[in-house]
Amino acid sequence: MKTMKSFCLATVCGAILLGAATLQAADVKTYQVTGPVLEVTPTSITVQKGQDKWEIARNKDTKITGDLKVGAKVTIYYTMTASEVDVKAGKAKN
């Protein structure tokens, strides 16, 4: 009986943690860019969007479906993440 209570408690705690992680992930806004691939490197993908070239970083965890190569039309989904924040001193208010 004690084992069953422990199992139920562990299941409920796991569900709460999973729900909290899902809510936290929902706060991050995702963006997308679509266009032909201009360049592919191990760390980035460059896409032509109108007159602009968009260079999107990638890493070993980037999920790629299909054959990623120059000339292929792709849609890249990405998020914006701050890597550094430098706060400047503002003018004092009187």
N, C-alpha and C. Protein backbone atom coordinates (compact mmCIF):
# COMPACT_ATOMS: atom_id res chain seq x y z
N MET A 1 0.81 -1.19 0.00
CA MET A 1 0.00 0.00 0.00
C MET A 1 0.86 1.25 0.00
N LYS A 2 1.94 1.23 0.78
CA LYS A 2 2.84 2.38 0.85
C LYS A 2 3.50 2.62 -0.51
N THR A 3 3.84 1.55 -1.21
CA THR A 3 4.45 1.67 -2.53
C THR A 3 3.48 2.32 -3.53
N MET A 4 2.21 1.96 -3.44
CA MET A 4 1.20 2.52 -4.33
C MET A 4 1.04 4.02 -4.09
N LYS A 5 1.05 4.44 -2.82
CA LYS A 5 0.96 5.87 -2.50
C LYS A 5 2.17 6.62 -3.04
N SER A 6 3.35 6.04 -2.88
CA SER A 6 4.58 6.66 -3.39
C SER A 6 4.52 6.80 -4.91
N PHE A 7 4.04 5.76 -5.57
CA PHE A 7 3.93 5.79 -7.03
C PHE A 7 2.96 6.88 -7.48
N CYS A 8 1.81 6.97 -6.82
CA CYS A 8 0.82 8.00 -7.17
C CYS A 8 1.37 9.39 -6.94
N LEU A 9 2.06 9.58 -5.81
CA LEU A 9 2.66 10.88 -5.51
C LEU A 9 3.71 11.24 -6.56
N ALA A 10 4.54 10.31 -6.96
CA ALA A 10 5.56 10.56 -7.97
C ALA A 10 4.92 10.89 -9.31
N THR A 11 3.84 10.22 -9.65
CA THR A 11 3.14 10.49 -10.91
C THR A 11 2.55 11.89 -10.92
N VAL A 12 1.92 12.29 -9.82
CA VAL A 12 1.33 13.63 -9.73
C VAL A 12 2.43 14.70 -9.80
N CYS A 13 3.52 14.50 -9.09
CA CYS A 13 4.64 15.46 -9.13
C CYS A 13 5.20 15.58 -10.55
N GLY A 14 5.36 14.46 -11.22
CA GLY A 14 5.85 14.48 -12.60
C GLY A 14 4.92 15.24 -13.52
N ALA A 15 3.62 15.04 -13.36
CA ALA A 15 2.64 15.74 -14.18
C ALA A 15 2.69 17.25 -13.94
N ILE A 16 2.86 17.65 -12.69
CA ILE A 16 2.96 19.08 -12.36
C ILE A 16 4.21 19.68 -12.99
N LEU A 17 5.33 18.99 -12.88
CA LEU A 17 6.57 19.51 -13.49
C LEU A 17 6.46 19.61 -15.00
N LEU A 18 5.85 18.62 -15.63
CA LEU A 18 5.67 18.64 -17.07
C LEU A 18 4.77 19.81 -17.48
N GLY A 19 3.71 20.02 -16.74
CA GLY A 19 2.81 21.14 -17.02
C GLY A 19 3.50 22.47 -16.85
N ALA A 20 4.32 22.62 -15.82
CA ALA A 20 5.05 23.87 -15.60
C ALA A 20 6.04 24.12 -16.73
N ALA A 21 6.71 23.09 -17.19
CA ALA A 21 7.67 23.25 -18.30
C ALA A 21 6.95 23.64 -19.57
N THR A 22 5.78 23.09 -19.81
CA THR A 22 5.00 23.43 -21.00
C THR A 22 4.55 24.88 -20.95
N LEU A 23 4.10 25.33 -19.80
CA LEU A 23 3.68 26.73 -19.66
C LEU A 23 4.85 27.69 -19.87
N GLN A 24 6.01 27.34 -19.36
CA GLN A 24 7.19 28.18 -19.53
C GLN A 24 7.57 28.27 -21.01
N ALA A 25 7.50 27.17 -21.72
CA ALA A 25 7.85 27.16 -23.14
C ALA A 25 6.85 27.95 -23.97
N ALA A 26 5.62 28.04 -23.52
CA ALA A 26 4.59 28.76 -24.26
C ALA A 26 4.84 30.26 -24.27
N ASP A 27 5.64 30.78 -23.34
CA ASP A 27 5.93 32.20 -23.28
C ASP A 27 6.85 32.67 -24.40
N VAL A 28 7.62 31.78 -25.00
CA VAL A 28 8.59 32.14 -26.02
C VAL A 28 7.89 32.26 -27.37
N LYS A 29 8.02 33.42 -28.01
CA LYS A 29 7.39 33.63 -29.31
C LYS A 29 8.27 33.03 -30.40
N THR A 30 7.66 32.35 -31.35
CA THR A 30 8.41 31.79 -32.47
C THR A 30 8.15 32.61 -33.72
N TYR A 31 9.12 32.63 -34.60
CA TYR A 31 9.06 33.36 -35.86
C TYR A 31 9.39 32.39 -36.98
N GLN A 32 9.19 32.82 -38.23
CA GLN A 32 9.57 31.98 -39.36
C GLN A 32 10.02 32.85 -40.52
N VAL A 33 10.88 32.28 -41.34
CA VAL A 33 11.32 32.92 -42.57
C VAL A 33 11.30 31.84 -43.66
N THR A 34 10.81 32.21 -44.85
CA THR A 34 10.72 31.27 -45.96
C THR A 34 11.45 31.85 -47.16
N GLY A 35 12.19 31.00 -47.86
CA GLY A 35 12.88 31.43 -49.07
C GLY A 35 13.88 30.40 -49.52
N PRO A 36 14.57 30.69 -50.63
CA PRO A 36 15.59 29.76 -51.12
C PRO A 36 16.87 29.85 -50.28
N VAL A 37 17.52 28.71 -50.11
CA VAL A 37 18.76 28.64 -49.35
C VAL A 37 19.91 29.17 -50.21
N LEU A 38 20.68 30.10 -49.66
CA LEU A 38 21.85 30.64 -50.35
C LEU A 38 23.14 29.96 -49.91
N GLU A 39 23.19 29.59 -48.61
CA GLU A 39 24.41 28.97 -48.07
C GLU A 39 24.05 28.11 -46.87
N VAL A 40 24.75 26.99 -46.74
CA VAL A 40 24.58 26.09 -45.60
C VAL A 40 25.95 25.82 -45.00
N THR A 41 26.10 26.07 -43.70
CA THR A 41 27.33 25.73 -42.99
C THR A 41 26.94 24.91 -41.77
N PRO A 42 27.89 24.33 -41.08
CA PRO A 42 27.56 23.57 -39.87
C PRO A 42 26.90 24.42 -38.77
N THR A 43 27.08 25.75 -38.84
CA THR A 43 26.55 26.60 -37.77
C THR A 43 25.49 27.59 -38.23
N SER A 44 25.17 27.62 -39.54
CA SER A 44 24.16 28.58 -39.99
C SER A 44 23.52 28.16 -41.32
N ILE A 45 22.35 28.77 -41.57
CA ILE A 45 21.66 28.61 -42.85
C ILE A 45 21.32 30.03 -43.31
N THR A 46 21.70 30.38 -44.54
CA THR A 46 21.40 31.70 -45.08
C THR A 46 20.30 31.56 -46.13
N VAL A 47 19.23 32.38 -45.95
CA VAL A 47 18.05 32.32 -46.80
C VAL A 47 17.82 33.69 -47.42
N GLN A 48 17.38 33.72 -48.69
CA GLN A 48 17.02 34.97 -49.37
C GLN A 48 15.55 35.25 -49.11
N LYS A 49 15.25 36.40 -48.54
CA LYS A 49 13.85 36.82 -48.33
C LYS A 49 13.71 38.20 -48.95
N GLY A 50 13.08 38.24 -50.11
CA GLY A 50 13.00 39.51 -50.85
C GLY A 50 14.40 39.94 -51.26
N GLN A 51 14.76 41.16 -50.90
CA GLN A 51 16.11 41.66 -51.20
C GLN A 51 17.10 41.38 -50.07
N ASP A 52 16.61 40.85 -48.96
CA ASP A 52 17.46 40.65 -47.78
C ASP A 52 17.96 39.21 -47.66
N LYS A 53 19.14 39.08 -47.09
CA LYS A 53 19.71 37.77 -46.76
C LYS A 53 19.57 37.57 -45.25
N TRP A 54 18.94 36.48 -44.86
CA TRP A 54 18.75 36.16 -43.46
C TRP A 54 19.68 35.02 -43.09
N GLU A 55 20.55 35.25 -42.13
CA GLU A 55 21.45 34.22 -41.64
C GLU A 55 20.94 33.75 -40.28
N ILE A 56 20.50 32.51 -40.22
CA ILE A 56 19.94 31.93 -39.00
C ILE A 56 20.93 30.92 -38.45
N ALA A 57 21.27 31.06 -37.18
CA ALA A 57 22.20 30.13 -36.53
C ALA A 57 21.53 28.77 -36.35
N ARG A 58 22.34 27.72 -36.36
CA ARG A 58 21.85 26.38 -36.08
C ARG A 58 22.91 25.62 -35.30
N ASN A 59 22.48 24.52 -34.67
CA ASN A 59 23.42 23.68 -33.92
C ASN A 59 23.05 22.22 -34.10
N LYS A 60 23.67 21.37 -33.32
CA LYS A 60 23.44 19.92 -33.47
C LYS A 60 22.01 19.51 -33.14
N ASP A 61 21.28 20.34 -32.39
CA ASP A 61 19.92 20.02 -32.01
C ASP A 61 18.87 20.53 -33.00
N THR A 62 19.30 21.26 -34.04
CA THR A 62 18.36 21.77 -35.04
C THR A 62 17.78 20.61 -35.83
N LYS A 63 16.45 20.51 -35.82
CA LYS A 63 15.76 19.43 -36.54
C LYS A 63 15.63 19.83 -38.01
N ILE A 64 16.11 18.99 -38.91
CA ILE A 64 16.04 19.24 -40.35
C ILE A 64 15.28 18.09 -41.00
N THR A 65 14.20 18.46 -41.70
CA THR A 65 13.40 17.47 -42.41
C THR A 65 13.62 17.68 -43.91
N GLY A 66 14.08 16.68 -44.61
CA GLY A 66 14.33 16.79 -46.04
C GLY A 66 15.80 17.02 -46.33
N ASP A 67 16.09 17.34 -47.59
CA ASP A 67 17.46 17.52 -48.08
C ASP A 67 17.81 19.00 -48.06
N LEU A 68 18.56 19.43 -47.04
CA LEU A 68 18.95 20.83 -46.91
C LEU A 68 20.17 21.09 -47.78
N LYS A 69 19.97 21.89 -48.84
CA LYS A 69 21.08 22.23 -49.73
C LYS A 69 20.80 23.57 -50.39
N VAL A 70 21.83 24.16 -50.96
CA VAL A 70 21.70 25.45 -51.64
C VAL A 70 20.68 25.33 -52.76
N GLY A 71 19.76 26.32 -52.82
CA GLY A 71 18.72 26.34 -53.83
C GLY A 71 17.39 25.78 -53.36
N ALA A 72 17.40 24.97 -52.31
CA ALA A 72 16.15 24.40 -51.79
C ALA A 72 15.31 25.51 -51.16
N LYS A 73 13.99 25.43 -51.33
CA LYS A 73 13.10 26.38 -50.67
C LYS A 73 12.78 25.82 -49.29
N VAL A 74 13.00 26.63 -48.26
CA VAL A 74 12.81 26.18 -46.88
C VAL A 74 11.96 27.17 -46.10
N THR A 75 11.39 26.68 -45.03
CA THR A 75 10.79 27.53 -44.01
C THR A 75 11.53 27.21 -42.73
N ILE A 76 12.14 28.23 -42.14
CA ILE A 76 12.90 28.07 -40.91
C ILE A 76 12.09 28.68 -39.77
N TYR A 77 11.88 27.91 -38.72
CA TYR A 77 11.20 28.39 -37.52
C TYR A 77 12.27 28.66 -36.47
N TYR A 78 12.21 29.83 -35.85
CA TYR A 78 13.25 30.21 -34.90
C TYR A 78 12.67 31.07 -33.78
N THR A 79 13.45 31.22 -32.72
CA THR A 79 13.11 32.11 -31.61
C THR A 79 14.25 33.09 -31.42
N MET A 80 13.97 34.18 -30.76
CA MET A 80 15.02 35.15 -30.45
C MET A 80 15.40 34.99 -28.99
N THR A 81 16.69 34.80 -28.74
CA THR A 81 17.19 34.61 -27.39
C THR A 81 18.34 35.58 -27.14
N ALA A 82 18.26 36.33 -26.06
CA ALA A 82 19.33 37.26 -25.71
C ALA A 82 20.57 36.47 -25.28
N SER A 83 21.72 36.86 -25.79
CA SER A 83 22.96 36.22 -25.37
C SER A 83 23.73 37.11 -24.39
N GLU A 84 23.41 38.40 -24.38
CA GLU A 84 24.09 39.33 -23.47
C GLU A 84 23.22 40.58 -23.34
N VAL A 85 23.19 41.15 -22.15
CA VAL A 85 22.46 42.39 -21.91
C VAL A 85 23.41 43.36 -21.23
N ASP A 86 23.59 44.53 -21.83
CA ASP A 86 24.46 45.57 -21.28
C ASP A 86 23.58 46.77 -20.93
N VAL A 87 23.37 47.01 -19.63
CA VAL A 87 22.50 48.09 -19.18
C VAL A 87 23.32 49.37 -19.06
N LYS A 88 22.84 50.43 -19.70
CA LYS A 88 23.51 51.72 -19.67
C LYS A 88 22.87 52.60 -18.59
N ALA A 89 23.66 53.40 -17.94
CA ALA A 89 23.14 54.31 -16.92
C ALA A 89 22.30 55.39 -17.61
N GLY A 90 21.12 55.62 -17.08
CA GLY A 90 20.23 56.63 -17.65
C GLY A 90 20.38 57.96 -16.93
N LYS A 91 19.74 58.99 -17.46
CA LYS A 91 19.76 60.31 -16.82
C LYS A 91 18.87 60.26 -15.59
N ALA A 92 19.32 60.91 -14.53
CA ALA A 92 18.54 60.94 -13.28
C ALA A 92 17.29 61.80 -13.46
N LYS A 93 16.18 61.34 -12.89
CA LYS A 93 14.94 62.11 -12.94
C LYS A 93 14.86 62.97 -11.69
N ASN A 94 14.44 64.22 -11.87
CA ASN A 94 14.32 65.12 -10.71
C ASN A 94 12.96 65.07 -10.12
